[in-house]
Amino acid sequence: MRVKLLIATVDIIYAGQLADNISEFHADKIDVSICSTLDGMQEALSKRKYNVALMDLEMINYLDTSCIHLPMLLWSENEDTEDTNDLPDEFERIRKHQRISSIVAIILERYAKISGGSFSPGSGQANITTVWAPAGGVGKTTVALAYALANVSEGKDVFYLNLENFSSVPGCFNETGKSISRVFEMLENHDGNVKMLVQGISCRDSGITYLCGPENFDDMCILTDENVNEVITTCSELTNELVIDLSCIYDTRTRMAFELADKILIVTDMTVAAEVKLAQFISQNNVYEGIKEKVTFVVNKAAAIGEQFTDSVFSLPLIQSNDMISVYKKLSENQLLFKD
């Protein structure tokens, strides 16, 4: 099901631009119709019910709200705000002159809170790859992003999900948007359509879809394993390839992500701390033995992890740069690093 959206405004040029953009870039999420007269609006509403309506002041006073689940006032900064004060509280406000992607995000976020569980876009279950390291600072996030971008270059729809306690997202992408904390809040309250919300607030940069980092540290810490499972499952239903960037700890959350994964990239380097911690992890047979068929080791800085792993080890080339974005983009060009 797609969200059925009616744009009702006398500004037919703006309505056409908005509808064309939504049809071109968001057709998988929104089915859009437009009208520019009262007669046209009444005819549209007589033929079908709409989930959401964007309406200017000239139209909204004549709206039969029983035909619309979520009526929204499309307003301009140039309009007299006193004209909107008499509108019922049920009418959400949405600013006209802003990025269309932001308008789409607001529509889906608002509707997600009232729609229940009927919204199910996406192509089914994704291939899930988790990226983990036993120690910090070894290049784990850089590898995760390089792997994600390498899959984008092969024409795949890729979702990067950062589940680190302290998110690396702000330093990895140029685009910013609404926080993943919105998803956590909906999960905690068991209220609304999580899948639609993720669709609405996710950002896209260099072909990678992602959610912006949490608003504060506690938002990540209070997540239950059930919450994390639902986040992973939801994201996996919205893409072809889901890449999960995990914190450098091994806990029940990490174990669950490993169980859900089709592939596990374990990143290490030549530092003593990383080598010692990796050896300890591998020695835990009750953990490693259960996942080793999924594991590929990604080695940074010429680390040595033992001859028994040579069939499943990729060594990263040296790239001299302090800019994470340029590094992961350069790494992604080496397709052999991430081939099965």
Protein backbone atom coordinates (compact mmCIF):
# COMPACT_ATOMS: atom_id res chain seq x y z
CA MET A 1 0.00 0.00 0.00
CA ARG A 2 1.15 3.52 -0.84
CA VAL A 3 -0.02 6.65 0.94
CA LYS A 4 -2.80 8.28 -1.09
CA LEU A 5 -2.05 12.02 -1.15
CA LEU A 6 -4.26 14.82 -2.47
CA ILE A 7 -2.68 18.21 -3.17
CA ALA A 8 -5.43 20.84 -3.26
CA THR A 9 -4.17 24.35 -3.97
CA VAL A 10 -4.97 27.22 -6.31
CA ASP A 11 -1.24 27.47 -7.03
CA ILE A 12 -1.36 25.00 -9.89
CA ILE A 13 2.28 25.57 -10.88
CA TYR A 14 3.54 24.68 -7.41
CA ALA A 15 1.14 21.73 -7.20
CA GLY A 16 2.47 20.39 -10.49
CA GLN A 17 6.09 20.75 -9.43
CA LEU A 18 5.39 19.03 -6.13
CA ALA A 19 3.43 16.20 -7.73
CA ASP A 20 6.02 15.65 -10.46
CA ASN A 21 8.84 15.42 -7.94
CA ILE A 22 6.94 13.00 -5.71
CA SER A 23 5.99 10.86 -8.69
CA GLU A 24 9.59 10.74 -9.89
CA PHE A 25 11.44 10.18 -6.63
CA HIS A 26 8.89 8.85 -4.11
CA ALA A 27 6.40 6.84 -6.18
CA ASP A 28 7.12 3.72 -4.14
CA LYS A 29 5.76 5.47 -1.05
CA ILE A 30 3.15 7.99 -2.25
CA ASP A 31 0.33 7.95 -4.81
CA VAL A 32 -0.34 11.63 -5.56
CA SER A 33 -3.30 13.50 -7.10
CA ILE A 34 -3.80 17.24 -7.54
CA CYS A 35 -6.68 19.68 -7.94
CA SER A 36 -6.80 23.47 -8.16
CA THR A 37 -10.50 24.33 -7.78
CA LEU A 38 -13.21 23.67 -5.21
CA ASP A 39 -15.21 21.71 -7.79
CA GLY A 40 -12.12 19.67 -8.61
CA MET A 41 -11.50 18.94 -4.93
CA GLN A 42 -15.08 17.87 -4.33
CA GLU A 43 -15.00 15.63 -7.39
CA ALA A 44 -11.72 14.04 -6.27
CA LEU A 45 -13.10 13.36 -2.79
CA SER A 46 -16.30 11.89 -4.18
CA LYS A 47 -14.34 9.27 -6.13
CA ARG A 48 -11.91 8.04 -3.46
CA LYS A 49 -10.75 8.51 0.08
CA TYR A 50 -7.29 9.93 0.68
CA ASN A 51 -4.88 9.22 3.51
CA VAL A 52 -3.36 12.70 3.48
CA ALA A 53 -4.35 16.03 1.96
CA LEU A 54 -2.13 19.10 1.53
CA MET A 55 -4.49 22.06 1.19
CA ASP A 56 -4.11 25.82 1.12
CA LEU A 57 -6.45 28.20 2.92
CA GLU A 58 -8.64 28.69 -0.15
CA MET A 59 -9.49 24.98 -0.07
CA ILE A 60 -9.27 23.78 3.49
CA ASN A 61 -12.33 25.63 4.81
CA TYR A 62 -14.50 23.60 2.44
CA LEU A 63 -13.01 20.22 3.31
CA ASP A 64 -15.13 17.30 4.46
CA THR A 65 -12.68 15.85 7.00
CA SER A 66 -14.42 12.47 6.97
CA CYS A 67 -12.74 11.81 3.61
CA ILE A 68 -9.21 12.50 4.88
CA HIS A 69 -7.29 10.71 7.62
CA LEU A 70 -4.66 13.44 7.91
CA PRO A 71 -5.58 16.93 6.63
CA MET A 72 -2.59 19.30 6.47
CA LEU A 73 -2.52 23.04 5.85
CA LEU A 74 -0.06 24.02 3.13
CA TRP A 75 1.02 27.49 4.17
CA SER A 76 3.50 30.12 3.07
CA GLU A 77 5.56 32.45 5.24
CA ASN A 78 3.98 35.35 3.34
CA GLU A 79 0.46 34.48 4.52
CA ASP A 80 -1.19 36.14 7.49
CA THR A 81 -0.91 33.61 10.34
CA GLU A 82 -4.09 35.02 11.92
CA ASP A 83 -6.04 33.47 9.05
CA THR A 84 -5.02 30.01 10.31
CA ASN A 85 -5.80 30.52 14.00
CA ASP A 86 -9.44 29.48 13.65
CA LEU A 87 -8.60 26.13 12.08
CA PRO A 88 -9.31 23.03 14.20
CA ASP A 89 -6.36 21.49 16.04
CA GLU A 90 -6.58 18.38 13.85
CA PHE A 91 -5.11 20.30 10.93
CA GLU A 92 -1.37 19.85 10.84
CA ARG A 93 0.66 22.70 9.36
CA ILE A 94 3.31 22.12 6.72
CA ARG A 95 5.44 24.90 5.25
CA LYS A 96 5.12 25.28 1.49
CA HIS A 97 8.54 26.57 0.50
CA GLN A 98 11.00 23.95 1.69
CA ARG A 99 12.77 20.97 0.14
CA ILE A 100 10.27 18.53 -1.30
CA SER A 101 12.14 15.63 0.30
CA SER A 102 11.50 17.33 3.67
CA ILE A 103 7.79 17.67 2.86
CA VAL A 104 7.63 13.96 2.01
CA ALA A 105 9.44 13.11 5.26
CA ILE A 106 6.98 15.18 7.30
CA ILE A 107 3.97 13.61 5.58
CA LEU A 108 5.17 10.06 6.21
CA GLU A 109 6.29 10.78 9.77
CA ARG A 110 2.93 12.33 10.69
CA TYR A 111 0.90 9.66 8.96
CA ALA A 112 3.01 6.87 10.46
CA LYS A 113 1.73 7.86 13.90
CA ILE A 114 -1.91 7.28 12.98
CA SER A 115 -1.85 4.67 10.23
CA GLY A 116 -1.40 1.41 12.12
CA GLY A 117 0.48 -1.39 10.39
CA SER A 118 -0.90 -1.36 6.86
CA PHE A 119 2.03 0.31 5.09
CA SER A 120 4.46 -2.20 3.60
CA PRO A 121 6.69 -0.87 0.80
CA GLY A 122 9.92 -2.56 -0.20
CA SER A 123 10.99 -5.62 -2.09
CA GLY A 124 11.14 -8.11 0.77
CA GLN A 125 13.90 -9.43 2.98
CA ALA A 126 17.33 -7.97 2.36
CA ASN A 127 20.69 -9.62 2.51
CA ILE A 128 22.06 -8.58 5.93
CA THR A 129 25.74 -7.88 6.52
CA THR A 130 26.97 -6.96 10.00
CA VAL A 131 30.31 -5.21 10.51
CA TRP A 132 31.99 -5.62 13.90
CA ALA A 133 35.39 -5.24 15.53
CA PRO A 134 36.71 -6.46 18.88
CA ALA A 135 38.52 -3.15 19.43
CA GLY A 136 37.85 0.46 18.50
CA GLY A 137 39.84 2.52 16.03
CA VAL A 138 40.57 -0.28 13.56
CA GLY A 139 38.51 1.14 10.69
CA LYS A 140 35.24 -0.71 11.27
CA THR A 141 32.90 2.08 10.19
CA THR A 142 35.08 2.92 7.20
CA VAL A 143 34.84 -0.72 6.09
CA ALA A 144 31.08 -0.78 6.63
CA LEU A 145 30.59 2.30 4.47
CA ALA A 146 33.01 1.09 1.80
CA TYR A 147 31.11 -2.19 1.64
CA ALA A 148 27.80 -0.32 1.41
CA LEU A 149 29.04 1.92 -1.40
CA ALA A 150 30.56 -1.02 -3.27
CA ASN A 151 27.11 -2.61 -3.32
CA VAL A 152 25.57 0.66 -4.51
CA SER A 153 27.98 0.64 -7.46
CA GLU A 154 26.63 -2.80 -8.39
CA GLY A 155 23.13 -1.36 -8.65
CA LYS A 156 21.82 -2.57 -5.30
CA ASP A 157 19.51 -0.64 -3.01
CA VAL A 158 21.59 -0.30 0.18
CA PHE A 159 20.57 0.71 3.70
CA TYR A 160 23.30 1.55 6.24
CA LEU A 161 22.09 1.08 9.83
CA ASN A 162 24.38 2.42 12.53
CA LEU A 163 23.78 0.79 15.93
CA GLU A 164 26.91 2.05 17.66
CA ASN A 165 26.46 3.43 21.17
CA PHE A 166 28.15 6.60 19.95
CA SER A 167 27.07 7.07 16.34
CA SER A 168 29.57 7.76 13.56
CA VAL A 169 26.84 8.96 11.19
CA PRO A 170 27.42 12.73 11.62
CA GLY A 171 30.99 12.35 10.38
CA CYS A 172 30.16 10.03 7.50
CA PHE A 173 27.55 11.84 5.44
CA ASN A 174 26.90 15.33 4.15
CA GLU A 175 23.12 15.10 4.35
CA THR A 176 21.37 15.57 7.69
CA GLY A 177 17.81 14.89 8.74
CA LYS A 178 15.65 13.66 11.59
CA SER A 179 17.14 11.43 14.24
CA ILE A 180 16.78 7.67 14.58
CA SER A 181 15.49 8.57 18.04
CA ARG A 182 12.08 9.12 16.40
CA VAL A 183 12.05 5.42 15.54
CA PHE A 184 13.10 4.44 19.05
CA GLU A 185 10.32 6.56 20.53
CA MET A 186 7.68 4.90 18.37
CA LEU A 187 9.01 1.45 19.30
CA GLU A 188 8.94 2.28 22.99
CA ASN A 189 5.37 3.58 22.82
CA HIS A 190 4.16 0.77 20.52
CA ASP A 191 2.27 3.49 18.65
CA GLY A 192 2.24 3.92 14.88
CA ASN A 193 3.78 2.41 11.77
CA VAL A 194 7.53 2.03 12.26
CA LYS A 195 8.17 1.02 8.66
CA MET A 196 6.53 4.14 7.29
CA LEU A 197 8.41 6.30 9.77
CA VAL A 198 11.76 4.82 8.70
CA GLN A 199 10.83 5.46 5.08
CA GLY A 200 9.88 9.01 5.91
CA ILE A 201 12.91 10.15 7.93
CA SER A 202 15.72 8.23 6.23
CA CYS A 203 18.31 10.22 4.29
CA ARG A 204 20.30 9.38 1.20
CA ASP A 205 23.89 10.24 0.34
CA SER A 206 26.03 8.77 -2.47
CA GLY A 207 23.28 6.22 -3.08
CA ILE A 208 23.32 4.95 0.52
CA THR A 209 20.13 5.22 2.57
CA TYR A 210 20.65 5.79 6.29
CA LEU A 211 19.13 7.10 9.50
CA CYS A 212 20.73 10.02 11.33
CA GLY A 213 22.26 9.40 14.75
CA PRO A 214 20.36 9.39 18.05
CA GLU A 215 19.65 12.64 19.82
CA ASN A 216 21.45 11.49 22.95
CA PHE A 217 23.39 8.53 24.31
CA ASP A 218 20.52 7.23 26.45
CA ASP A 219 18.31 6.72 23.40
CA MET A 220 20.60 3.93 22.26
CA CYS A 221 21.24 2.47 25.72
CA ILE A 222 17.60 1.95 26.68
CA LEU A 223 16.79 -0.06 23.56
CA THR A 224 15.72 -3.59 24.33
CA ASP A 225 16.86 -6.55 22.25
CA GLU A 226 13.31 -6.72 20.94
CA ASN A 227 13.55 -3.08 19.82
CA VAL A 228 16.82 -3.73 18.01
CA ASN A 229 15.37 -6.81 16.35
CA GLU A 230 12.41 -4.77 15.10
CA VAL A 231 14.65 -1.99 13.77
CA ILE A 232 16.80 -4.50 11.88
CA THR A 233 13.79 -6.39 10.55
CA THR A 234 12.04 -3.20 9.47
CA CYS A 235 15.07 -1.86 7.63
CA SER A 236 15.70 -5.21 5.98
CA GLU A 237 12.20 -5.09 4.47
CA LEU A 238 12.93 -1.76 2.82
CA THR A 239 16.08 -2.57 0.86
CA ASN A 240 18.10 -5.18 -1.03
CA GLU A 241 21.24 -4.94 1.10
CA LEU A 242 21.28 -3.98 4.78
CA VAL A 243 24.67 -3.11 6.29
CA ILE A 244 24.70 -2.94 10.10
CA ASP A 245 27.53 -1.09 11.86
CA LEU A 246 27.85 -2.41 15.44
CA SER A 247 29.63 -1.14 18.53
CA CYS A 248 32.97 -2.73 19.46
CA ILE A 249 31.50 -4.79 22.27
CA TYR A 250 30.07 -8.27 22.34
CA ASP A 251 26.68 -8.35 24.07
CA THR A 252 23.23 -9.79 23.49
CA ARG A 253 22.54 -7.11 20.89
CA THR A 254 25.64 -8.07 18.92
CA ARG A 255 24.84 -11.77 19.24
CA MET A 256 21.33 -11.18 17.91
CA ALA A 257 22.64 -9.16 14.96
CA PHE A 258 25.08 -11.98 14.17
CA GLU A 259 22.24 -14.48 14.21
CA LEU A 260 20.18 -12.38 11.80
CA ALA A 261 23.12 -11.74 9.47
CA ASP A 262 23.84 -13.53 6.22
CA LYS A 263 27.42 -12.26 6.31
CA ILE A 264 29.70 -10.95 9.07
CA LEU A 265 32.71 -8.72 8.45
CA ILE A 266 35.12 -8.67 11.41
CA VAL A 267 37.64 -5.83 11.17
CA THR A 268 41.03 -5.80 12.91
CA ASP A 269 44.46 -4.21 12.62
CA MET A 270 48.03 -4.75 13.84
CA THR A 271 47.69 -3.10 17.25
CA VAL A 272 48.29 -5.33 20.25
CA ALA A 273 44.90 -4.54 21.76
CA ALA A 274 43.04 -5.53 18.59
CA GLU A 275 45.01 -8.74 18.11
CA VAL A 276 44.61 -9.81 21.73
CA LYS A 277 40.89 -9.10 21.79
CA LEU A 278 40.31 -10.88 18.48
CA ALA A 279 42.19 -13.93 19.74
CA GLN A 280 40.01 -13.99 22.84
CA PHE A 281 36.87 -13.75 20.74
CA ILE A 282 37.92 -16.57 18.43
CA SER A 283 38.83 -18.77 21.39
CA GLN A 284 35.26 -18.62 22.69
CA ASN A 285 33.97 -21.67 20.85
CA ASN A 286 30.42 -21.19 22.03
CA VAL A 287 30.40 -17.87 20.16
CA TYR A 288 32.75 -18.08 17.20
CA GLU A 289 32.02 -21.68 16.19
CA GLY A 290 28.38 -20.79 15.62
CA ILE A 291 29.11 -17.97 13.18
CA LYS A 292 32.43 -18.80 11.54
CA GLU A 293 30.82 -19.92 8.28
CA LYS A 294 29.50 -16.39 7.86
CA VAL A 295 32.68 -14.56 8.85
CA THR A 296 35.09 -12.70 6.62
CA PHE A 297 38.05 -10.97 8.30
CA VAL A 298 38.95 -7.54 6.98
CA VAL A 299 42.51 -6.67 7.92
CA ASN A 300 43.76 -3.11 8.24
CA LYS A 301 47.40 -2.05 8.53
CA ALA A 302 48.80 -5.48 7.67
CA ALA A 303 47.54 -7.25 10.76
CA ALA A 304 48.24 -10.97 11.11
CA ILE A 305 45.48 -13.20 12.47
CA GLY A 306 46.75 -16.69 11.74
CA GLU A 307 47.17 -18.95 8.74
CA GLN A 308 43.97 -20.85 9.48
CA PHE A 309 41.95 -17.82 8.33
CA THR A 310 43.72 -17.06 5.05
CA ASP A 311 40.81 -18.27 2.94
CA SER A 312 38.49 -15.66 4.44
CA VAL A 313 40.74 -12.63 4.86
CA PHE A 314 40.87 -9.39 2.88
CA SER A 315 43.70 -6.92 3.43
CA LEU A 316 42.90 -3.26 2.98
CA PRO A 317 45.18 -1.11 0.83
CA LEU A 318 46.86 1.88 2.42
CA ILE A 319 45.03 5.16 1.78
CA GLN A 320 46.64 8.22 3.28
CA SER A 321 43.87 10.60 4.29
CA ASN A 322 42.27 11.85 7.49
CA ASP A 323 38.90 12.30 5.77
CA MET A 324 36.71 9.26 6.46
CA ILE A 325 34.37 10.04 3.56
CA SER A 326 37.13 10.13 0.96
CA VAL A 327 38.70 6.97 2.43
CA TYR A 328 35.59 4.82 2.32
CA LYS A 329 34.74 6.05 -1.17
CA LYS A 330 38.22 5.15 -2.36
CA LEU A 331 38.08 1.73 -0.69
CA SER A 332 34.71 0.99 -2.29
CA GLU A 333 36.34 1.15 -5.73
CA ASN A 334 38.29 -2.03 -4.96
CA GLN A 335 35.49 -4.48 -5.67
CA LEU A 336 37.66 -7.53 -4.94
CA LEU A 337 37.80 -6.61 -1.25
CA PHE A 338 34.17 -7.53 -0.71
CA LYS A 339 33.44 -10.28 -3.17
CA ASP A 340 32.23 -13.56 -1.72
